[in-house]
Amino acid sequence: MQRKGVANLPLHGGHPPRWLFSRMIKLAGAISEVILDEHGSDELLRRLSNPFWFQAFSCVLGFDWHSSGTTTTTCGALKIALNPESHGIIVAGGKGKASRKTPEDITNSADLLSINSNNVDKMINASKLSAKIDNSCIQDGYKLYQHNFFINENGNWAVVQQGMNKNYKYARRYHWLGESVNDFLIDPHSAISCDLKEDKSLNMVDKESKKAQDISVDLICDNPDHLRKYFNNKKSSQTTLNDFTGTIHDFSPDMPKLNMPQHHPVLDMDLSDREFEVLKQAWEIQPDNYRELILLKGLGPKKIRALALISDLVFGEPASWQDPVKYSFTHGGKDGFPYPVDRVVYDNSIITLKEALDDCKLNNKEKIGAIKRLESFL
């Protein structure tokens, strides 16, 4: 498993106009067909997993060059344009509620692409892991709301998913590629691109966090009840000195007393009784490793962060707090930037690609060769 990159994009609301989205579907299909015909479906997955190529691709389709919609709309167009029977690729998942149907979509794709049940289970697990890692193990302030899982007829896959930061009004896109079987939990990314870098972000899949991962598992398997002392128990808004006044048995019973507690919380965070119940349930299961731990139901960002903080506080094994981060206009954008979409030029682009592809299938390589030579000409 290899995560290929991350892109940060400003949040833009609204929907693409129908006239543009219908063209995006056609052009997305035409470009994909050329890549499939020339390089095969594995290469298309590699390109989708590259944040730079994906950004350029979305701009060619005519969407806003820098907006969050470059992810959701482009993936939506691809989901309609790519037909498993003719292209050998299925796009599972989507935005919002559709993202939660990814396991169902993957299962349904098994018969269409002749994928055996063992590989289906591995894909579902990969989908869940990639989402849990980018949403919970990497705490950069972006909450996932879109998840697309691409599968080809060879059983290979890629993930394109996006999270939202409501405070900054920005979105961040994450890319994964399944053909490189690296460790999910140790530096899974090879390239990350963005315009906004966080000063401090918990990254539990950084190689520097490996010992913190192991300690997190040990803390759970050793009964989490003993962890309560490290957290605040905020019954009210703020603790004051009045909270510690009262009387104790001494030689001056009439004098006011200030009774300071034997222990004060060290970590500036709190886990509720319900959240501790999740840790107790994890203890009963006794996970063998960090991968099993983070996939447990209910073990979200807050509890992962708590275990990481205790690992540093008690055992002196800090996790990484480095934000794991390291675009091209063709037809314009839907909002008129950098210029309005020229519908005639857009339609001609679709026709040219379609004709070139048809000629290619008829063993006429001249037209598609001319398109290739455009690169050196430009």
Protein backbone atom coordinates (compact mmCIF):
# COMPACT_ATOMS: atom_id res chain seq x y z
CA MET A 1 0.00 0.00 0.00
CA GLN A 2 1.31 3.44 -0.85
CA ARG A 3 -0.29 6.78 -0.29
CA LYS A 4 0.64 9.04 -3.15
CA GLY A 5 -0.18 12.53 -1.98
CA VAL A 6 -2.35 15.24 -0.50
CA ALA A 7 -3.78 18.44 -1.99
CA ASN A 8 -5.27 21.39 -0.09
CA LEU A 9 -8.16 23.21 -1.76
CA PRO A 10 -10.50 26.05 -0.71
CA LEU A 11 -14.08 24.99 -0.02
CA HIS A 12 -16.50 26.10 -2.72
CA GLY A 13 -20.23 25.43 -2.41
CA GLY A 14 -22.82 24.88 -5.10
CA HIS A 15 -22.98 22.47 -8.01
CA PRO A 16 -21.54 22.60 -11.53
CA PRO A 17 -24.11 23.66 -14.11
CA ARG A 18 -25.76 20.80 -15.99
CA TRP A 19 -24.34 21.92 -19.34
CA LEU A 20 -20.80 21.74 -17.94
CA PHE A 21 -21.14 18.51 -15.95
CA SER A 22 -22.57 16.65 -18.95
CA ARG A 23 -19.49 17.70 -20.93
CA MET A 24 -17.18 16.77 -18.05
CA ILE A 25 -18.56 13.23 -18.14
CA LYS A 26 -17.91 12.93 -21.88
CA LEU A 27 -14.42 14.42 -21.75
CA ALA A 28 -13.46 12.41 -18.66
CA GLY A 29 -14.54 9.28 -20.48
CA ALA A 30 -12.66 10.21 -23.66
CA ILE A 31 -9.39 11.01 -21.87
CA SER A 32 -9.68 7.85 -19.77
CA GLU A 33 -10.27 5.75 -22.88
CA VAL A 34 -7.12 7.11 -24.53
CA ILE A 35 -5.05 6.25 -21.42
CA LEU A 36 -6.66 2.81 -21.15
CA ASP A 37 -6.05 2.10 -24.81
CA GLU A 38 -2.44 3.31 -24.77
CA HIS A 39 -1.27 2.27 -21.29
CA GLY A 40 -3.89 0.05 -19.64
CA SER A 41 -6.02 0.33 -16.51
CA ASP A 42 -3.11 0.02 -14.05
CA GLU A 43 -1.61 3.21 -15.48
CA LEU A 44 -4.91 5.06 -15.12
CA LEU A 45 -4.97 4.12 -11.42
CA ARG A 46 -1.40 5.38 -11.03
CA ARG A 47 -2.33 8.71 -12.57
CA LEU A 48 -5.47 9.10 -10.46
CA SER A 49 -3.33 8.49 -7.37
CA ASN A 50 -1.00 11.34 -8.32
CA PRO A 51 -2.27 14.65 -6.88
CA PHE A 52 -0.57 16.74 -9.58
CA TRP A 53 -1.99 14.71 -12.48
CA PHE A 54 -5.44 14.60 -10.87
CA GLN A 55 -5.46 18.37 -10.40
CA ALA A 56 -4.45 18.96 -14.01
CA PHE A 57 -7.05 16.43 -15.15
CA SER A 58 -9.82 18.22 -13.26
CA CYS A 59 -8.75 21.54 -14.78
CA VAL A 60 -8.81 20.05 -18.27
CA LEU A 61 -12.39 18.99 -17.58
CA GLY A 62 -13.22 22.64 -16.91
CA PHE A 63 -13.76 22.79 -13.16
CA ASP A 64 -12.51 25.59 -10.89
CA TRP A 65 -8.74 25.22 -10.92
CA HIS A 66 -8.28 25.39 -7.16
CA SER A 67 -11.62 24.52 -5.56
CA SER A 68 -12.73 21.57 -3.45
CA GLY A 69 -15.07 20.64 -6.27
CA THR A 70 -12.12 19.48 -8.36
CA THR A 71 -12.27 16.31 -6.26
CA THR A 72 -15.97 15.63 -5.78
CA THR A 73 -17.09 16.66 -9.26
CA THR A 74 -14.23 14.97 -11.12
CA CYS A 75 -14.76 11.72 -9.21
CA GLY A 76 -18.50 12.02 -9.84
CA ALA A 77 -17.91 12.45 -13.57
CA LEU A 78 -15.56 9.46 -13.62
CA LYS A 79 -18.08 7.30 -11.76
CA ILE A 80 -20.59 7.90 -14.56
CA ALA A 81 -18.09 7.85 -17.45
CA LEU A 82 -16.24 4.64 -16.55
CA ASN A 83 -18.23 1.52 -17.43
CA PRO A 84 -16.88 -1.74 -15.93
CA GLU A 85 -17.96 -3.81 -18.93
CA SER A 86 -16.21 -1.62 -21.52
CA HIS A 87 -13.45 0.02 -19.46
CA GLY A 88 -12.69 -2.65 -16.85
CA ILE A 89 -12.83 -0.11 -13.99
CA ILE A 90 -15.39 0.50 -11.24
CA VAL A 91 -15.61 3.65 -9.12
CA ALA A 92 -17.03 2.85 -5.67
CA GLY A 93 -18.15 5.27 -2.97
CA GLY A 94 -18.65 8.99 -3.39
CA LYS A 95 -19.57 12.05 -1.33
CA GLY A 96 -21.45 12.03 1.98
CA LYS A 97 -23.82 9.07 2.33
CA ALA A 98 -22.45 7.50 -0.86
CA SER A 99 -19.02 7.16 0.79
CA ARG A 100 -20.49 4.83 3.42
CA LYS A 101 -21.70 2.50 0.67
CA THR A 102 -18.16 1.81 -0.52
CA PRO A 103 -17.98 -1.74 0.96
CA GLU A 104 -21.30 -2.55 -0.71
CA ASP A 105 -20.08 -1.14 -4.04
CA ILE A 106 -16.86 -3.14 -3.79
CA THR A 107 -18.78 -6.34 -3.08
CA ASN A 108 -21.10 -5.71 -6.02
CA SER A 109 -18.11 -5.18 -8.30
CA ALA A 110 -16.74 -8.67 -7.67
CA ASP A 111 -18.91 -10.40 -10.27
CA LEU A 112 -18.52 -7.64 -12.86
CA LEU A 113 -14.72 -7.76 -12.71
CA SER A 114 -14.38 -11.46 -11.75
CA ILE A 115 -12.65 -10.66 -8.45
CA ASN A 116 -12.49 -13.52 -5.93
CA SER A 117 -13.92 -13.15 -2.44
CA ASN A 118 -10.50 -13.01 -0.73
CA ASN A 119 -9.46 -10.00 -2.78
CA VAL A 120 -12.85 -8.36 -2.15
CA ASP A 121 -12.27 -8.64 1.61
CA LYS A 122 -8.78 -7.16 1.21
CA MET A 123 -10.18 -4.23 -0.78
CA ILE A 124 -12.87 -3.51 1.79
CA ASN A 125 -10.22 -3.59 4.50
CA ALA A 126 -7.99 -1.26 2.47
CA SER A 127 -10.89 1.15 1.99
CA LYS A 128 -11.60 1.24 5.73
CA LEU A 129 -7.93 1.59 6.65
CA SER A 130 -7.21 4.42 4.23
CA ALA A 131 -10.24 6.33 5.55
CA LYS A 132 -9.39 5.70 9.22
CA ILE A 133 -5.76 6.75 8.74
CA ASP A 134 -6.53 10.02 6.96
CA ASN A 135 -9.42 10.87 9.26
CA SER A 136 -8.09 9.73 12.66
CA CYS A 137 -4.43 8.72 12.64
CA ILE A 138 -3.42 11.88 10.79
CA GLN A 139 -5.05 14.67 12.77
CA ASP A 140 -4.51 17.69 10.54
CA GLY A 141 -7.92 19.28 11.15
CA TYR A 142 -9.67 17.84 8.08
CA LYS A 143 -12.70 15.57 8.52
CA LEU A 144 -13.37 13.20 5.63
CA TYR A 145 -16.63 13.65 3.75
CA GLN A 146 -15.80 12.07 0.38
CA HIS A 147 -14.23 8.68 -0.39
CA ASN A 148 -13.87 7.06 -3.81
CA PHE A 149 -12.36 3.62 -4.34
CA PHE A 150 -11.21 2.76 -7.89
CA ILE A 151 -10.91 -0.94 -8.85
CA ASN A 152 -9.68 -2.39 -12.14
CA GLU A 153 -10.08 -5.83 -13.72
CA ASN A 154 -6.59 -6.83 -12.53
CA GLY A 155 -7.71 -6.49 -8.92
CA ASN A 156 -5.64 -3.35 -8.34
CA TRP A 157 -7.09 -0.23 -6.75
CA ALA A 158 -6.61 3.42 -5.84
CA VAL A 159 -8.29 5.79 -3.39
CA VAL A 160 -9.13 9.48 -3.80
CA GLN A 161 -10.74 11.00 -0.72
CA GLN A 162 -11.23 14.48 0.68
CA GLY A 163 -11.60 16.08 4.11
CA MET A 164 -13.00 19.44 5.22
CA ASN A 165 -11.61 22.01 7.66
CA LYS A 166 -14.55 24.22 8.64
CA ASN A 167 -12.36 26.74 10.47
CA TYR A 168 -10.09 27.50 7.50
CA LYS A 169 -12.78 26.87 4.85
CA TYR A 170 -10.33 24.56 3.11
CA ALA A 171 -10.45 20.99 1.85
CA ARG A 172 -7.58 18.51 1.68
CA ARG A 173 -7.40 15.67 -0.82
CA TYR A 174 -5.65 12.38 -0.09
CA HIS A 175 -4.44 9.88 -2.72
CA TRP A 176 -3.63 6.18 -2.29
CA LEU A 177 -2.32 3.51 -4.69
CA GLY A 178 -2.73 -0.17 -3.87
CA GLU A 179 -0.19 -1.80 -6.18
CA SER A 180 2.77 -0.93 -3.93
CA VAL A 181 2.38 -3.22 -0.95
CA ASN A 182 4.01 -1.10 1.72
CA ASP A 183 3.04 -0.91 5.38
CA PHE A 184 -0.22 0.98 5.89
CA LEU A 185 1.10 2.39 9.15
CA ILE A 186 4.65 3.49 8.35
CA ASP A 187 5.10 6.47 6.01
CA PRO A 188 2.50 5.33 3.45
CA HIS A 189 2.78 8.50 1.37
CA SER A 190 5.39 9.13 -1.33
CA ALA A 191 4.31 12.60 -2.51
CA ILE A 192 2.14 15.25 -0.88
CA SER A 193 1.07 18.55 -2.42
CA CYS A 194 -0.79 21.40 -0.80
CA ASP A 195 -0.92 25.15 -0.34
CA LEU A 196 -1.58 25.13 3.40
CA LYS A 197 0.72 23.43 5.91
CA GLU A 198 -0.33 22.99 9.53
CA ASP A 199 2.13 24.04 12.23
CA LYS A 200 1.37 21.00 14.36
CA SER A 201 -0.51 17.87 13.34
CA LEU A 202 -0.50 14.46 14.99
CA ASN A 203 0.78 11.89 12.48
CA MET A 204 0.52 8.40 13.91
CA VAL A 205 1.64 6.78 10.65
CA ASP A 206 4.97 8.57 10.54
CA LYS A 207 7.97 6.28 11.06
CA GLU A 208 8.78 8.32 14.17
CA SER A 209 5.44 7.21 15.66
CA LYS A 210 6.14 3.45 15.49
CA LYS A 211 6.97 3.09 19.19
CA ALA A 212 3.96 5.24 20.11
CA GLN A 213 1.81 2.84 18.06
CA ASP A 214 3.13 -0.16 20.01
CA ILE A 215 2.65 1.55 23.36
CA SER A 216 -0.92 2.51 22.43
CA VAL A 217 -1.71 -1.17 21.92
CA ASP A 218 -0.03 -2.08 25.23
CA LEU A 219 -2.00 0.59 27.09
CA ILE A 220 -5.27 -0.87 25.81
CA CYS A 221 -4.34 -4.51 26.43
CA ASP A 222 -3.32 -3.62 30.03
CA ASN A 223 -6.83 -2.42 31.01
CA PRO A 224 -7.50 1.26 30.25
CA ASP A 225 -9.04 1.99 33.69
CA HIS A 226 -5.65 3.11 34.96
CA LEU A 227 -5.58 5.83 32.29
CA ARG A 228 -8.38 7.89 33.87
CA LYS A 229 -6.01 9.78 36.15
CA TYR A 230 -4.38 11.49 33.19
CA PHE A 231 -7.50 13.30 32.02
CA ASN A 232 -9.63 16.22 33.14
CA ASN A 233 -13.04 15.44 34.56
CA LYS A 234 -14.79 18.64 33.56
CA LYS A 235 -18.10 18.63 35.36
CA SER A 236 -18.27 22.43 35.13
CA SER A 237 -16.80 25.08 32.90
CA GLN A 238 -13.63 25.85 34.88
CA THR A 239 -11.99 24.78 38.13
CA THR A 240 -11.39 27.51 40.72
CA LEU A 241 -9.84 27.58 44.21
CA ASN A 242 -13.36 27.52 45.68
CA ASP A 243 -13.70 23.97 44.37
CA PHE A 244 -11.09 22.86 46.90
CA THR A 245 -12.39 24.60 50.06
CA GLY A 246 -13.88 22.68 52.96
CA THR A 247 -13.03 21.26 56.34
CA ILE A 248 -10.74 18.41 57.33
CA HIS A 249 -10.00 16.81 60.67
CA ASP A 250 -7.30 18.94 62.29
CA PHE A 251 -6.71 21.01 65.41
CA SER A 252 -8.48 24.13 64.10
CA PRO A 253 -11.93 22.99 62.90
CA ASP A 254 -13.33 26.54 62.67
CA MET A 255 -10.71 27.90 60.29
CA PRO A 256 -11.32 27.97 56.49
CA LYS A 257 -9.41 25.29 54.68
CA LEU A 258 -7.91 24.99 51.22
CA ASN A 259 -7.50 21.29 50.43
CA MET A 260 -5.50 20.79 47.27
CA PRO A 261 -5.95 17.45 45.50
CA GLN A 262 -3.27 14.77 45.65
CA HIS A 263 -3.34 14.57 41.86
CA HIS A 264 -4.05 17.07 39.14
CA PRO A 265 -4.80 16.16 35.51
CA VAL A 266 -1.76 16.35 33.28
CA LEU A 267 -3.35 16.21 29.84
CA ASP A 268 -5.47 19.12 28.69
CA MET A 269 -8.26 16.90 27.38
CA ASP A 270 -11.08 14.78 28.70
CA LEU A 271 -12.57 11.40 27.87
CA SER A 272 -16.18 10.85 28.88
CA ASP A 273 -17.46 7.68 30.53
CA ARG A 274 -18.85 6.59 27.17
CA GLU A 275 -15.48 7.12 25.51
CA PHE A 276 -13.77 5.12 28.23
CA GLU A 277 -16.31 2.36 27.61
CA VAL A 278 -14.98 2.14 24.03
CA LEU A 279 -11.46 1.66 25.43
CA LYS A 280 -12.76 -1.06 27.77
CA GLN A 281 -14.39 -2.84 24.84
CA ALA A 282 -11.08 -2.65 22.97
CA TRP A 283 -9.35 -4.17 26.03
CA GLU A 284 -11.79 -7.09 25.99
CA ILE A 285 -10.92 -7.77 22.35
CA GLN A 286 -7.15 -7.57 23.03
CA PRO A 287 -5.94 -6.30 19.62
CA ASP A 288 -2.65 -7.82 18.46
CA ASN A 289 -1.34 -4.72 16.74
CA TYR A 290 -2.03 -1.06 15.95
CA ARG A 291 -3.76 -1.91 12.70
CA GLU A 292 -6.35 -4.02 14.51
CA LEU A 293 -6.68 -1.34 17.20
CA ILE A 294 -7.52 1.60 14.93
CA LEU A 295 -10.07 -0.44 12.97
CA LEU A 296 -12.14 -1.12 16.10
CA LYS A 297 -15.55 0.53 16.04
CA GLY A 298 -15.67 3.78 17.99
CA LEU A 299 -11.91 4.28 18.21
CA GLY A 300 -11.81 7.73 16.64
CA PRO A 301 -9.40 10.67 16.57
CA LYS A 302 -9.86 11.70 20.23
CA LYS A 303 -8.98 8.31 21.67
CA ILE A 304 -6.09 7.79 19.25
CA ARG A 305 -4.74 11.19 20.30
CA ALA A 306 -5.16 10.37 24.01
CA LEU A 307 -3.13 7.17 23.71
CA ALA A 308 -0.42 9.04 21.79
CA LEU A 309 -0.17 11.73 24.48
CA ILE A 310 0.12 9.14 27.28
CA SER A 311 2.80 7.33 25.29
CA ASP A 312 4.86 10.52 25.37
CA LEU A 313 3.98 11.50 28.96
CA VAL A 314 4.58 8.16 30.67
CA PHE A 315 7.01 6.32 28.46
CA GLY A 316 8.85 9.19 26.77
CA GLU A 317 7.97 7.94 23.28
CA PRO A 318 6.49 10.89 21.40
CA ALA A 319 4.51 10.53 18.21
CA SER A 320 5.28 12.68 15.17
CA TRP A 321 3.65 16.12 15.08
CA GLN A 322 4.77 17.02 11.56
CA ASP A 323 2.04 17.76 9.03
CA PRO A 324 2.56 15.14 6.25
CA VAL A 325 2.40 17.58 3.30
CA LYS A 326 5.15 18.29 0.51
CA TYR A 327 -1.44 23.00 -10.19
CA SER A 328 -3.12 24.29 -15.52
CA PHE A 329 -5.95 25.56 -17.45
CA THR A 330 -7.43 24.23 -20.69
CA HIS A 331 -11.10 25.05 -21.04
CA GLY A 332 -11.54 27.66 -18.29
CA GLY A 333 -13.57 27.29 -15.09
CA LYS A 334 -17.25 27.21 -14.24
CA ASP A 335 -16.96 30.45 -12.24
CA GLY A 336 -15.18 32.27 -15.07
CA PHE A 337 -11.63 31.95 -13.70
CA PRO A 338 -9.07 31.99 -15.16
CA TYR A 339 -11.54 32.53 -18.00
CA PRO A 340 -15.07 31.39 -18.88
CA VAL A 341 -15.54 27.95 -20.40
CA ASP A 342 -15.67 28.10 -24.21
CA ARG A 343 -18.34 25.52 -25.02
CA VAL A 344 -17.40 25.25 -28.72
CA VAL A 345 -13.73 24.57 -27.92
CA TYR A 346 -14.76 22.13 -25.19
CA ASP A 347 -17.03 20.18 -27.56
CA ASN A 348 -14.34 20.13 -30.24
CA SER A 349 -11.89 18.68 -27.70
CA ILE A 350 -14.31 15.84 -26.96
CA ILE A 351 -14.90 15.19 -30.68
CA THR A 352 -11.17 15.23 -31.47
CA LEU A 353 -10.36 12.71 -28.74
CA LYS A 354 -13.26 10.47 -29.70
CA GLU A 355 -12.33 10.49 -33.38
CA ALA A 356 -8.67 9.86 -32.56
CA LEU A 357 -9.62 6.94 -30.35
CA ASP A 358 -11.94 5.48 -32.99
CA ASP A 359 -9.23 5.81 -35.64
CA CYS A 360 -6.74 4.17 -33.28
CA LYS A 361 -9.05 1.20 -32.85
CA LEU A 362 -9.18 0.93 -36.65
CA ASN A 363 -5.36 0.59 -36.71
CA ASN A 364 -4.97 4.18 -37.93
CA LYS A 365 -2.26 5.60 -35.66
CA GLU A 366 -1.65 8.87 -37.52
CA LYS A 367 -4.17 11.05 -35.68
CA ILE A 368 -3.32 9.87 -32.18
CA GLY A 369 0.37 10.22 -33.09
CA ALA A 370 -0.30 13.83 -34.00
CA ILE A 371 -1.90 14.44 -30.61
CA LYS A 372 1.19 12.99 -28.93
CA ARG A 373 3.46 15.30 -30.95
CA LEU A 374 1.52 18.32 -29.69
CA GLU A 375 3.41 18.01 -26.40
CA SER A 376 6.80 18.65 -27.98
CA PHE A 377 5.35 21.37 -30.20
CA LEU A 378 3.92 23.25 -27.22
